Amino acid sequence: MAAPTVSCINLTTQSVTFQWDPVPGASDYQVNVLSGATGTLSGNTYTVTGLMPGDGINIEVIAEGNSACGPSNASQHTCVANNCPPVAVDINPIQDICENQTGLINLTANINPQGTGTTTWSGPNVSGNGILNLNGLNEGTYTVEVMYEEQGCSYVGTQTYTVFPAPEINETIEQPVFYTIGTTGSIQLDVQGNGPFDILWNDGSNISDRDSLGFGRYCATVTDANACETEDCYDIGSGIFRISPVHIVCLGSSKVLTVRPPRGADFSWSPATGLSCTDCPNPIASPRQSTEYTLTAVLDNGRTETIRILVIVIPPPFCPTAKQINDLELVLEDQLKDSQLEYDLAAIEKEVMKNQSLEADIVIYPNPTSGLVSIQSEEVIQKVEVSDILGKTVLQQSFENRNPELNLQTLSSGQYLLKVTTLKGNSAFWIRKE
């Protein structure tokens, strides 16, 4: 019986198939694998699967039948699985990253030629489907890898990228000595990293050292040569010592001007008029007229700060209760903080007197005045009496009209009480002569 003639057909990277022409008189075929993996016999073919590219299989095939001569001689043959075809895998460049960046980047690659295979990504903070998580990446150089697999063939592409360090900000903050209106602090920034640096504050400034800063939050964004940014925010206003900027006292009464805490600095007050002491933290104030005091604190390290404390004196008959005084002081302090009220003795005194006036349907202007005062009333004005803060009458004039004019030019500068008499009764107003 003739030996089979064997050939290779349908070669792939993962399988080979042996084939031979039918041998006359053969009823079956015996396949012996001489080297390599075993396969499956089907008629006059033998197929081996699950191979790696380039694997070779060597077999012998023997034809069997009922011939008196017995089986045929063995025919040997070798088939080799196809090698992987060339495929280029290139990861698209990854932009440079700053170490404090957050977010996700979708990684992409160009595969040529690309068939029906699969891709798998790997690397620090990289998911299998190619998502790079920027959170928590420290300064350094990183490599990402993508593997493309098709028909048992694997192709790898790599790409490196750099994580740059963010600017490091070291700050020196000097808080105000006093926590009150008009005090200031300072912030000095020392920036380390890849300079030069651009600095931008939330108030528009672009310098590193900030002085004379009032109450508030100050945020600085520092950008380095690699466009990496760091932002830090600082609060100015906590202070060491606290004291209310405005105090109200009734004429003839007194009030303690309290600095809290009373220790930690040497305190001095000026002027001494109306104060029980000038070198103590909590003097008793009993001035005869509204007074602007200066309070100076000298710290152990030699640092000095001076602030203004306004004491507004309210003469009778307009003295409010202690609770009303406390409420009004809080209102004035809030208005000063919000810049709704000028931090000025005359302006605050006017505001206090306005709150305490016994106003009727009468308008007095201008107030303050340099001399001439106009009065408008819905009722006929009969008399106007002017008194100083001690209650002494300094001017009195009679009228019989609704719009009289009063001349205060001969009076000294200060606060005066105008008592306006109409048919409906008396109304009192405070006016300031400048």
Protein backbone atom coordinates (compact mmCIF):
# COMPACT_ATOMS: atom_id res chain seq x y z
CA MET A 1 0.00 0.00 0.00
CA ALA A 2 1.43 3.36 -0.98
CA ALA A 3 2.57 5.79 1.72
CA PRO A 4 0.46 9.00 2.14
CA THR A 5 1.72 12.25 0.64
CA VAL A 6 1.37 14.87 3.44
CA SER A 7 1.21 18.67 3.10
CA CYS A 8 0.37 21.71 5.30
CA ILE A 9 -2.82 23.76 4.83
CA ASN A 10 -4.69 26.55 6.72
CA LEU A 11 -1.68 27.70 8.71
CA THR A 12 -2.33 30.42 11.34
CA THR A 13 -0.31 31.82 14.24
CA GLN A 14 -2.16 29.44 16.57
CA SER A 15 -2.87 26.29 14.53
CA VAL A 16 -1.64 24.03 11.76
CA THR A 17 -3.47 21.43 9.65
CA PHE A 18 -1.85 18.43 7.96
CA GLN A 19 -3.57 17.02 4.88
CA TRP A 20 -2.88 13.98 2.62
CA ASP A 21 -4.56 12.58 -0.44
CA PRO A 22 -6.63 9.39 0.07
CA VAL A 23 -4.51 6.24 -0.37
CA PRO A 24 -6.19 3.53 -2.54
CA GLY A 25 -7.16 0.54 -0.38
CA ALA A 26 -6.75 2.41 2.89
CA SER A 27 -9.59 2.19 5.36
CA ASP A 28 -8.00 4.31 8.10
CA TYR A 29 -4.95 6.36 8.96
CA GLN A 30 -2.68 6.31 11.96
CA VAL A 31 -1.01 9.62 13.04
CA ASN A 32 1.93 9.62 15.40
CA VAL A 33 3.21 12.97 16.75
CA LEU A 34 6.96 12.88 16.72
CA SER A 35 7.39 16.36 18.26
CA GLY A 36 5.06 19.11 19.42
CA ALA A 37 1.47 19.19 20.57
CA THR A 38 -1.13 16.59 19.66
CA GLY A 39 -4.16 17.35 17.58
CA THR A 40 -7.33 15.89 16.13
CA LEU A 41 -7.60 13.39 13.24
CA SER A 42 -10.50 13.89 10.89
CA GLY A 43 -10.54 11.73 7.74
CA ASN A 44 -7.44 12.64 5.82
CA THR A 45 -6.59 15.75 7.92
CA TYR A 46 -4.90 16.28 11.27
CA THR A 47 -5.31 19.67 13.03
CA VAL A 48 -3.30 20.97 15.98
CA THR A 49 -4.57 24.10 17.80
CA GLY A 50 -3.45 26.20 20.78
CA LEU A 51 -0.03 26.85 19.34
CA MET A 52 2.24 29.84 19.74
CA PRO A 53 3.51 31.66 16.68
CA GLY A 54 6.43 29.74 15.13
CA ASP A 55 5.66 26.43 16.91
CA GLY A 56 6.51 23.42 14.74
CA ILE A 57 4.68 20.05 14.77
CA ASN A 58 6.30 16.92 13.31
CA ILE A 59 4.10 13.89 12.62
CA GLU A 60 4.14 10.62 10.71
CA VAL A 61 1.09 9.26 8.88
CA ILE A 62 0.52 5.54 8.14
CA ALA A 63 -2.24 4.25 5.85
CA GLU A 64 -4.02 1.14 7.16
CA GLY A 65 -6.26 -1.34 5.32
CA ASN A 66 -7.05 -5.02 4.54
CA SER A 67 -4.25 -5.43 2.03
CA ALA A 68 -2.24 -8.61 2.32
CA CYS A 69 0.83 -6.41 2.24
CA GLY A 70 -0.16 -4.74 5.54
CA PRO A 71 -0.04 -0.97 6.36
CA SER A 72 1.88 1.52 4.30
CA ASN A 73 5.22 2.94 5.11
CA ALA A 74 5.14 6.03 7.38
CA SER A 75 5.27 9.49 5.82
CA GLN A 76 6.80 12.22 8.01
CA HIS A 77 6.02 15.90 7.69
CA THR A 78 6.48 19.11 9.69
CA CYS A 79 4.10 22.12 9.76
CA VAL A 80 5.00 25.39 11.50
CA ALA A 81 2.50 27.94 12.84
CA ASN A 82 2.77 31.35 11.24
CA ASN A 83 4.97 33.98 12.87
CA CYS A 84 3.35 37.23 14.10
CA PRO A 85 3.00 39.85 11.43
CA PRO A 86 4.55 43.26 12.17
CA VAL A 87 2.22 45.64 14.02
CA ALA A 88 3.25 49.13 15.22
CA VAL A 89 1.89 50.27 18.62
CA ASP A 90 2.50 53.94 19.45
CA ILE A 91 1.06 55.66 22.52
CA ASN A 92 0.13 59.27 21.89
CA PRO A 93 2.27 61.74 23.87
CA ILE A 94 1.15 62.54 27.42
CA GLN A 95 1.26 66.17 28.47
CA ASP A 96 3.52 67.14 31.34
CA ILE A 97 1.79 67.02 34.71
CA CYS A 98 2.14 68.94 37.99
CA GLU A 99 2.24 66.92 41.18
CA ASN A 100 -0.73 68.67 42.73
CA GLN A 101 -2.94 68.19 39.67
CA THR A 102 -6.16 66.23 39.94
CA GLY A 103 -8.44 64.63 37.40
CA LEU A 104 -8.32 61.89 34.77
CA ILE A 105 -6.61 61.56 31.39
CA ASN A 106 -7.83 59.19 28.68
CA LEU A 107 -4.76 57.52 27.19
CA THR A 108 -4.83 56.68 23.47
CA ALA A 109 -2.59 54.72 21.10
CA ASN A 110 -2.23 54.28 17.34
CA ILE A 111 -2.14 50.59 16.27
CA ASN A 112 -1.25 49.85 12.66
CA PRO A 113 -2.55 47.64 11.24
CA GLN A 114 -5.28 47.03 13.80
CA GLY A 115 -7.51 44.01 13.61
CA THR A 116 -9.93 42.56 16.12
CA GLY A 117 -7.45 42.18 18.96
CA THR A 118 -7.65 43.64 22.50
CA THR A 119 -5.61 46.28 24.31
CA THR A 120 -4.57 46.29 27.97
CA TRP A 121 -2.97 49.30 29.68
CA SER A 122 -0.64 49.29 32.69
CA GLY A 123 1.48 51.69 34.72
CA PRO A 124 1.26 53.76 37.94
CA ASN A 125 -2.28 55.05 38.49
CA VAL A 126 -3.33 53.59 35.08
CA SER A 127 -6.42 51.44 34.74
CA GLY A 128 -6.61 48.50 32.36
CA ASN A 129 -8.79 50.48 29.95
CA GLY A 130 -6.35 53.37 29.70
CA ILE A 131 -7.46 55.93 32.31
CA LEU A 132 -4.61 57.79 34.03
CA ASN A 133 -5.61 59.11 37.46
CA LEU A 134 -3.57 62.20 38.30
CA ASN A 135 -4.47 62.24 41.98
CA GLY A 136 -1.54 61.48 44.23
CA LEU A 137 1.19 61.38 41.57
CA ASN A 138 4.45 62.58 43.06
CA GLU A 139 7.29 64.33 41.31
CA GLY A 140 9.22 62.07 38.91
CA THR A 141 9.30 60.29 35.53
CA TYR A 142 6.71 57.61 34.82
CA THR A 143 6.17 55.01 32.06
CA VAL A 144 2.86 53.70 30.80
CA GLU A 145 2.50 50.55 28.66
CA VAL A 146 -0.19 49.25 26.36
CA MET A 147 -0.30 45.62 25.11
CA TYR A 148 -2.18 44.76 21.94
CA GLU A 149 -3.03 41.03 21.55
CA GLU A 150 -4.43 39.39 18.44
CA GLN A 151 -4.36 35.68 17.38
CA GLY A 152 -1.75 34.81 19.97
CA CYS A 153 0.50 37.70 19.04
CA SER A 154 1.39 40.40 21.56
CA TYR A 155 2.64 43.88 20.73
CA VAL A 156 3.75 46.45 23.32
CA GLY A 157 4.00 50.22 23.16
CA THR A 158 5.42 52.47 25.90
CA GLN A 159 5.42 56.18 26.63
CA THR A 160 7.10 58.22 29.38
CA TYR A 161 5.91 61.47 30.96
CA THR A 162 7.12 63.82 33.66
CA VAL A 163 5.40 64.96 36.85
CA PHE A 164 6.90 68.30 37.83
CA PRO A 165 7.01 69.44 41.44
CA ALA A 166 4.58 72.21 42.37
CA PRO A 167 5.97 75.43 43.82
CA GLU A 168 6.47 75.24 47.56
CA ILE A 169 5.31 78.28 49.51
CA ASN A 170 6.78 79.08 52.90
CA GLU A 171 5.04 82.00 54.55
CA THR A 172 5.80 84.31 57.44
CA ILE A 173 2.67 85.94 58.83
CA GLU A 174 2.66 88.82 61.27
CA GLN A 175 -0.78 89.36 62.72
CA PRO A 176 -1.89 92.78 64.01
CA VAL A 177 -1.04 93.48 67.62
CA PHE A 178 -4.61 94.67 68.15
CA TYR A 179 -7.78 93.07 66.86
CA THR A 180 -9.68 96.25 66.07
CA ILE A 181 -10.37 98.76 63.32
CA GLY A 182 -7.35 100.27 61.58
CA THR A 183 -4.76 97.67 62.54
CA THR A 184 -2.76 95.82 59.91
CA GLY A 185 -0.67 92.70 59.46
CA SER A 186 1.85 91.42 56.94
CA ILE A 187 2.57 88.31 54.86
CA GLN A 188 5.97 87.43 53.40
CA LEU A 189 6.24 84.55 50.93
CA ASP A 190 9.38 82.49 50.29
CA VAL A 191 8.78 80.37 47.17
CA GLN A 192 10.93 77.35 46.30
CA GLY A 193 10.87 75.32 43.09
CA ASN A 194 11.37 75.83 39.36
CA GLY A 195 11.50 79.60 38.97
CA PRO A 196 10.98 82.24 37.84
CA PHE A 197 7.64 82.56 39.63
CA ASP A 198 4.55 84.62 38.94
CA ILE A 199 2.51 85.58 42.01
CA LEU A 200 -1.10 86.75 41.85
CA TRP A 201 -3.16 87.61 44.92
CA ASN A 202 -6.93 87.62 45.06
CA ASP A 203 -6.86 91.40 45.51
CA GLY A 204 -4.80 91.89 42.33
CA SER A 205 -1.36 92.36 43.89
CA ASN A 206 1.59 90.52 42.34
CA ILE A 207 4.36 90.93 44.94
CA SER A 208 5.62 88.35 47.41
CA ASP A 209 5.84 90.56 50.50
CA ARG A 210 2.61 92.21 51.63
CA ASP A 211 2.53 94.87 54.32
CA SER A 212 -0.22 97.02 55.86
CA LEU A 213 -2.88 94.38 55.30
CA GLY A 214 -6.25 94.99 56.91
CA PHE A 215 -8.68 92.37 58.16
CA GLY A 216 -9.51 89.72 55.57
CA ARG A 217 -8.49 86.57 53.74
CA TYR A 218 -5.62 86.84 51.29
CA CYS A 219 -5.02 84.07 48.72
CA ALA A 220 -1.86 83.83 46.60
CA THR A 221 -1.51 81.73 43.44
CA VAL A 222 2.12 81.00 42.52
CA THR A 223 2.93 79.78 38.99
CA ASP A 224 6.38 78.41 38.13
CA ALA A 225 8.32 78.03 34.88
CA ASN A 226 6.53 74.73 34.13
CA ALA A 227 3.10 76.36 34.56
CA CYS A 228 2.59 74.43 37.80
CA GLU A 229 0.51 76.27 40.38
CA THR A 230 0.16 76.31 44.14
CA GLU A 231 -2.46 78.34 45.98
CA ASP A 232 -2.43 79.16 49.68
CA CYS A 233 -4.75 81.41 51.68
CA TYR A 234 -4.00 83.37 54.84
CA ASP A 235 -6.21 85.20 57.32
CA ILE A 236 -5.20 88.56 58.70
CA GLY A 237 -7.06 89.94 61.69
CA SER A 238 -6.84 87.58 64.62
CA GLY A 239 -4.60 89.96 66.58
CA ILE A 240 -3.17 89.53 70.08
CA PHE A 241 -5.16 92.11 72.04
CA ARG A 242 -8.80 93.11 71.69
CA ILE A 243 -10.52 96.36 72.52
CA SER A 244 -13.62 97.99 71.12
CA PRO A 245 -12.79 100.95 68.85
CA VAL A 246 -15.77 103.02 70.06
CA HIS A 247 -17.00 103.62 73.60
CA ILE A 248 -20.06 105.64 74.62
CA VAL A 249 -20.34 107.28 78.02
CA CYS A 250 -22.89 109.68 79.51
CA LEU A 251 -21.59 113.03 80.69
CA GLY A 252 -20.63 112.76 84.34
CA SER A 253 -20.29 108.97 84.17
CA SER A 254 -17.24 106.79 83.60
CA LYS A 255 -16.36 103.63 81.73
CA VAL A 256 -13.49 101.14 81.83
CA LEU A 257 -11.63 100.90 78.52
CA THR A 258 -10.83 97.19 78.58
CA VAL A 259 -7.88 95.56 76.76
CA ARG A 260 -8.06 91.77 76.64
CA PRO A 261 -5.82 90.09 77.67
CA PRO A 262 -4.38 92.76 79.98
CA ARG A 263 -0.90 91.17 79.97
CA GLY A 264 1.82 90.55 77.39
CA ALA A 265 2.77 94.12 76.50
CA ASP A 266 3.48 97.56 77.93
CA PHE A 267 0.47 99.83 77.29
CA SER A 268 0.34 103.61 77.17
CA TRP A 269 -2.56 106.02 76.57
CA SER A 270 -2.66 109.58 75.27
CA PRO A 271 -3.92 112.19 76.05
CA ALA A 272 -4.22 111.78 79.80
CA THR A 273 -7.36 113.95 79.97
CA GLY A 274 -10.23 112.07 81.54
CA LEU A 275 -8.24 108.86 82.19
CA SER A 276 -7.46 107.30 85.56
CA CYS A 277 -4.05 106.12 84.31
CA THR A 278 -1.98 106.30 81.14
CA ASP A 279 0.34 103.30 81.60
CA CYS A 280 -2.24 100.62 82.38
CA PRO A 281 -4.24 98.30 80.09
CA ASN A 282 -7.68 99.18 81.50
CA PRO A 283 -8.02 102.85 82.47
CA ILE A 284 -11.26 104.37 83.72
CA ALA A 285 -12.42 107.01 81.23
CA SER A 286 -14.58 109.97 82.34
CA PRO A 287 -13.95 112.75 79.80
CA ARG A 288 -16.11 115.87 79.75
CA GLN A 289 -16.35 115.81 75.96
CA SER A 290 -15.90 113.32 73.13
CA THR A 291 -12.22 112.42 72.89
CA GLU A 292 -9.97 110.47 70.58
CA TYR A 293 -7.33 108.54 72.53
CA THR A 294 -4.30 106.71 71.19
CA LEU A 295 -3.33 103.36 72.70
CA THR A 296 0.18 102.03 72.14
CA ALA A 297 1.32 98.47 72.90
CA VAL A 298 5.01 97.51 73.01
CA LEU A 299 5.66 93.76 72.88
CA ASP A 300 8.59 91.99 74.51
CA ASN A 301 10.30 91.68 71.11
CA GLY A 302 10.14 95.44 70.62
CA ARG A 303 7.29 95.40 68.12
CA THR A 304 5.00 98.41 68.54
CA GLU A 305 1.51 99.23 67.32
CA THR A 306 -0.67 102.25 68.01
CA ILE A 307 -4.43 102.44 67.51
CA ARG A 308 -7.16 105.04 68.01
CA ILE A 309 -9.92 104.61 70.59
CA LEU A 310 -12.92 106.93 70.36
CA VAL A 311 -14.91 107.84 73.47
CA ILE A 312 -18.20 109.58 72.65
CA VAL A 313 -19.73 111.65 75.45
CA ILE A 314 -23.53 112.06 75.45
CA PRO A 315 -24.83 114.89 77.64
CA PRO A 316 -28.31 114.98 79.20
CA PRO A 317 -31.11 114.68 78.29
CA PHE A 318 -30.13 112.03 75.75
CA CYS A 319 -28.24 109.48 77.84
CA PRO A 320 -29.43 105.97 76.87
CA THR A 321 -29.56 102.95 79.13
CA ALA A 322 -26.53 100.68 79.60
CA LYS A 323 -28.07 98.09 77.27
CA GLN A 324 -28.79 100.72 74.62
CA ILE A 325 -25.19 101.91 74.87
CA ASN A 326 -23.88 98.35 74.46
CA ASP A 327 -26.15 97.70 71.46
CA LEU A 328 -25.16 100.97 69.82
CA GLU A 329 -21.45 100.28 70.32
CA LEU A 330 -21.84 96.90 68.60
CA VAL A 331 -23.73 98.49 65.70
CA LEU A 332 -21.06 101.16 65.28
CA GLU A 333 -18.26 98.57 65.37
CA ASP A 334 -19.98 96.50 62.66
CA GLN A 335 -20.47 99.62 60.51
CA LEU A 336 -16.81 100.47 60.87
CA LYS A 337 -15.70 96.95 59.94
CA ASP A 338 -17.91 97.03 56.85
CA SER A 339 -16.64 100.53 55.96
CA GLN A 340 -20.18 101.88 56.22
CA LEU A 341 -18.99 104.54 58.66
CA GLU A 342 -15.87 106.69 58.60
CA TYR A 343 -13.47 106.05 61.49
CA ASP A 344 -13.52 109.66 62.55
CA LEU A 345 -14.48 111.26 65.86
CA ALA A 346 -16.81 113.86 64.35
CA ALA A 347 -18.49 111.35 62.01
CA ILE A 348 -19.11 108.81 64.77
CA GLU A 349 -20.23 111.49 67.23
CA LYS A 350 -22.73 112.68 64.64
CA GLU A 351 -23.98 109.14 64.14
CA VAL A 352 -24.41 108.66 67.89
CA MET A 353 -26.25 111.94 68.31
CA LYS A 354 -28.48 111.14 65.37
CA ASN A 355 -29.52 107.94 67.07
CA GLN A 356 -30.25 109.82 70.31
CA SER A 357 -31.99 112.93 68.90
CA LEU A 358 -35.60 113.75 69.74
CA GLU A 359 -36.42 114.49 66.14
CA ALA A 360 -39.76 115.95 65.01
CA ASP A 361 -40.81 117.06 61.55
CA ILE A 362 -37.86 119.43 61.53
CA VAL A 363 -34.76 119.48 59.32
CA ILE A 364 -31.53 121.23 60.37
CA TYR A 365 -28.69 121.69 57.88
CA PRO A 366 -25.81 121.74 57.27
CA ASN A 367 -24.60 119.59 60.14
CA PRO A 368 -21.70 120.00 60.89
CA THR A 369 -21.75 123.70 60.12
CA SER A 370 -19.16 126.44 59.85
CA GLY A 371 -21.64 129.05 61.11
CA LEU A 372 -24.97 129.48 59.36
CA VAL A 373 -27.69 126.92 60.07
CA SER A 374 -31.01 126.61 58.21
CA ILE A 375 -34.05 125.17 59.98
CA GLN A 376 -37.12 123.86 58.14
CA SER A 377 -40.30 122.92 59.97
CA GLU A 378 -43.89 122.05 59.15
CA GLU A 379 -44.89 124.20 62.15
CA VAL A 380 -44.07 127.83 62.87
CA ILE A 381 -40.86 128.05 64.89
CA GLN A 382 -41.18 130.38 67.87
CA LYS A 383 -37.80 130.11 69.54
CA VAL A 384 -34.41 128.41 69.21
CA GLU A 385 -32.14 127.96 72.20
CA VAL A 386 -28.51 126.82 71.87
CA SER A 387 -26.66 125.15 74.80
CA ASP A 388 -23.14 123.78 75.14
CA ILE A 389 -22.43 120.23 76.34
CA LEU A 390 -22.45 121.44 79.94
CA GLY A 391 -26.01 122.69 79.55
CA LYS A 392 -25.14 126.41 79.55
CA THR A 393 -27.28 128.52 77.22
CA VAL A 394 -24.95 130.31 74.77
CA LEU A 395 -27.50 131.67 72.27
CA GLN A 396 -31.24 132.28 72.22
CA GLN A 397 -33.31 133.73 69.39
CA SER A 398 -37.05 134.19 68.72
CA PHE A 399 -38.76 133.58 65.35
CA GLU A 400 -42.22 133.48 63.86
CA ASN A 401 -41.70 131.52 60.63
CA ARG A 402 -41.15 127.98 59.37
CA ASN A 403 -37.70 128.49 57.81
CA PRO A 404 -35.49 130.58 60.06
CA GLU A 405 -31.73 130.87 59.77
CA LEU A 406 -29.46 130.74 62.80
CA ASN A 407 -25.94 132.23 62.95
CA LEU A 408 -23.46 130.25 65.08
CA GLN A 409 -20.30 131.91 63.75
CA THR A 410 -19.42 133.47 67.11
CA LEU A 411 -19.45 130.12 68.89
CA SER A 412 -16.35 128.02 69.47
CA SER A 413 -15.94 124.70 67.67
CA GLY A 414 -17.68 121.83 69.41
CA GLN A 415 -20.97 120.05 70.01
CA TYR A 416 -24.11 122.05 70.77
CA LEU A 417 -27.72 121.24 71.63
CA LEU A 418 -30.41 123.10 69.70
CA LYS A 419 -33.82 123.23 71.38
CA VAL A 420 -36.47 124.23 68.85
CA THR A 421 -39.85 125.44 70.18
CA THR A 422 -43.02 125.27 68.05
CA LEU A 423 -46.72 125.32 68.89
CA LYS A 424 -46.49 121.53 69.19
CA GLY A 425 -43.77 121.69 71.82
CA ASN A 426 -39.99 121.36 72.04
CA SER A 427 -37.62 119.27 69.88
CA ALA A 428 -33.90 118.89 70.52
CA PHE A 429 -31.06 118.32 68.06
CA TRP A 430 -27.32 117.96 68.29
CA ILE A 431 -25.23 120.02 65.90
CA ARG A 432 -21.50 120.34 65.51
CA LYS A 433 -19.81 123.70 64.96
CA GLU A 434 -16.51 123.39 63.12
